[in-house]
Amino acid sequence: MERWVLQQTFPNWDSLRIMNARHDHLDWMHRHFAEKVLTGSELLAEVDAADSSPDS
């Protein structure tokens, strides 16, 4: 992409700011848009249970 658009300099402090704010942003999103928050392991357990049920 640098062939057409030069890469902008991005200061390390801004990368750290964004990285440290990730959990605050996710918490906000969950509070405003999620009815339920699942962990990955909970989701996989639900999928495994559905796969092993005799109805499938």
C-alpha atoms as a PDB file:
ATOM      1  CA  MET A   1       0.000   0.000   0.000  1.00  0.00           C
ATOM      2  CA  GLU A   2       2.936   2.334   0.599  1.00  0.00           C
ATOM      3  CA  ARG A   3       3.348   2.399  -3.137  1.00  0.00           C
ATOM      4  CA  TRP A   4       0.321   4.739  -3.378  1.00  0.00           C
ATOM      5  CA  VAL A   5      -0.101   6.078   0.161  1.00  0.00           C
ATOM      6  CA  LEU A   6       2.829   6.765   2.462  1.00  0.00           C
ATOM      7  CA  GLN A   7       2.626   5.248   5.922  1.00  0.00           C
ATOM      8  CA  GLN A   8       1.954   7.852   8.568  1.00  0.00           C
ATOM      9  CA  THR A   9       4.134   7.915  11.636  1.00  0.00           C
ATOM     10  CA  PHE A  10       2.233   6.543  14.595  1.00  0.00           C
ATOM     11  CA  PRO A  11       3.733   7.301  18.000  1.00  0.00           C
ATOM     12  CA  ASN A  12       4.250   4.471  20.448  1.00  0.00           C
ATOM     13  CA  TRP A  13       2.355   6.323  23.187  1.00  0.00           C
ATOM     14  CA  ASP A  14      -0.754   6.348  20.971  1.00  0.00           C
ATOM     15  CA  SER A  15      -0.482   2.603  20.356  1.00  0.00           C
ATOM     16  CA  LEU A  16      -0.248   2.060  24.103  1.00  0.00           C
ATOM     17  CA  ARG A  17      -3.216   4.370  24.710  1.00  0.00           C
ATOM     18  CA  ILE A  18      -5.364   2.406  22.270  1.00  0.00           C
ATOM     19  CA  MET A  19      -4.207  -0.938  23.676  1.00  0.00           C
ATOM     20  CA  ASN A  20      -4.923   0.115  27.266  1.00  0.00           C
ATOM     21  CA  ALA A  21      -8.381   1.447  26.356  1.00  0.00           C
ATOM     22  CA  ARG A  22      -9.516  -1.797  24.695  1.00  0.00           C
ATOM     23  CA  HIS A  23     -11.144  -3.259  27.788  1.00  0.00           C
ATOM     24  CA  ASP A  24     -12.927   0.009  28.589  1.00  0.00           C
ATOM     25  CA  HIS A  25     -14.327   0.032  25.066  1.00  0.00           C
ATOM     26  CA  LEU A  26     -15.441  -3.602  25.274  1.00  0.00           C
ATOM     27  CA  ASP A  27     -17.091  -2.981  28.643  1.00  0.00           C
ATOM     28  CA  TRP A  28     -18.966  -0.030  27.163  1.00  0.00           C
ATOM     29  CA  MET A  29     -20.078  -2.071  24.142  1.00  0.00           C
ATOM     30  CA  HIS A  30     -21.283  -4.908  26.376  1.00  0.00           C
ATOM     31  CA  ARG A  31     -23.247  -2.530  28.600  1.00  0.00           C
ATOM     32  CA  HIS A  32     -24.938  -0.857  25.641  1.00  0.00           C
ATOM     33  CA  PHE A  33     -25.461  -3.619  23.087  1.00  0.00           C
ATOM     34  CA  ALA A  34     -25.088  -7.098  24.567  1.00  0.00           C
ATOM     35  CA  GLU A  35     -27.925  -8.993  26.195  1.00  0.00           C
ATOM     36  CA  LYS A  36     -25.446 -11.605  27.372  1.00  0.00           C
ATOM     37  CA  VAL A  37     -21.648 -11.815  27.316  1.00  0.00           C
ATOM     38  CA  LEU A  38     -20.193 -15.270  26.620  1.00  0.00           C
ATOM     39  CA  THR A  39     -16.654 -16.479  26.955  1.00  0.00           C
ATOM     40  CA  GLY A  40     -15.157 -18.457  24.118  1.00  0.00           C
ATOM     41  CA  SER A  41     -15.159 -21.620  26.229  1.00  0.00           C
ATOM     42  CA  GLU A  42     -18.877 -21.211  27.005  1.00  0.00           C
ATOM     43  CA  LEU A  43     -19.651 -20.816  23.326  1.00  0.00           C
ATOM     44  CA  LEU A  44     -17.601 -23.886  22.371  1.00  0.00           C
ATOM     45  CA  ALA A  45     -19.290 -25.945  25.098  1.00  0.00           C
ATOM     46  CA  GLU A  46     -22.697 -24.914  23.722  1.00  0.00           C
ATOM     47  CA  VAL A  47     -21.653 -25.901  20.180  1.00  0.00           C
ATOM     48  CA  ASP A  48     -20.227 -29.239  21.398  1.00  0.00           C
ATOM     49  CA  ALA A  49     -23.437 -29.964  23.313  1.00  0.00           C
ATOM     50  CA  ALA A  50     -25.528 -29.244  20.219  1.00  0.00           C
ATOM     51  CA  ASP A  51     -23.274 -31.470  18.086  1.00  0.00           C
ATOM     52  CA  SER A  52     -23.500 -34.394  20.486  1.00  0.00           C
ATOM     53  CA  SER A  53     -27.263 -34.200  21.048  1.00  0.00           C
ATOM     54  CA  PRO A  54     -29.247 -37.098  19.543  1.00  0.00           C
ATOM     55  CA  ASP A  55     -31.514 -34.682  17.643  1.00  0.00           C
ATOM     56  CA  SER A  56     -28.697 -33.462  15.380  1.00  0.00           C
END
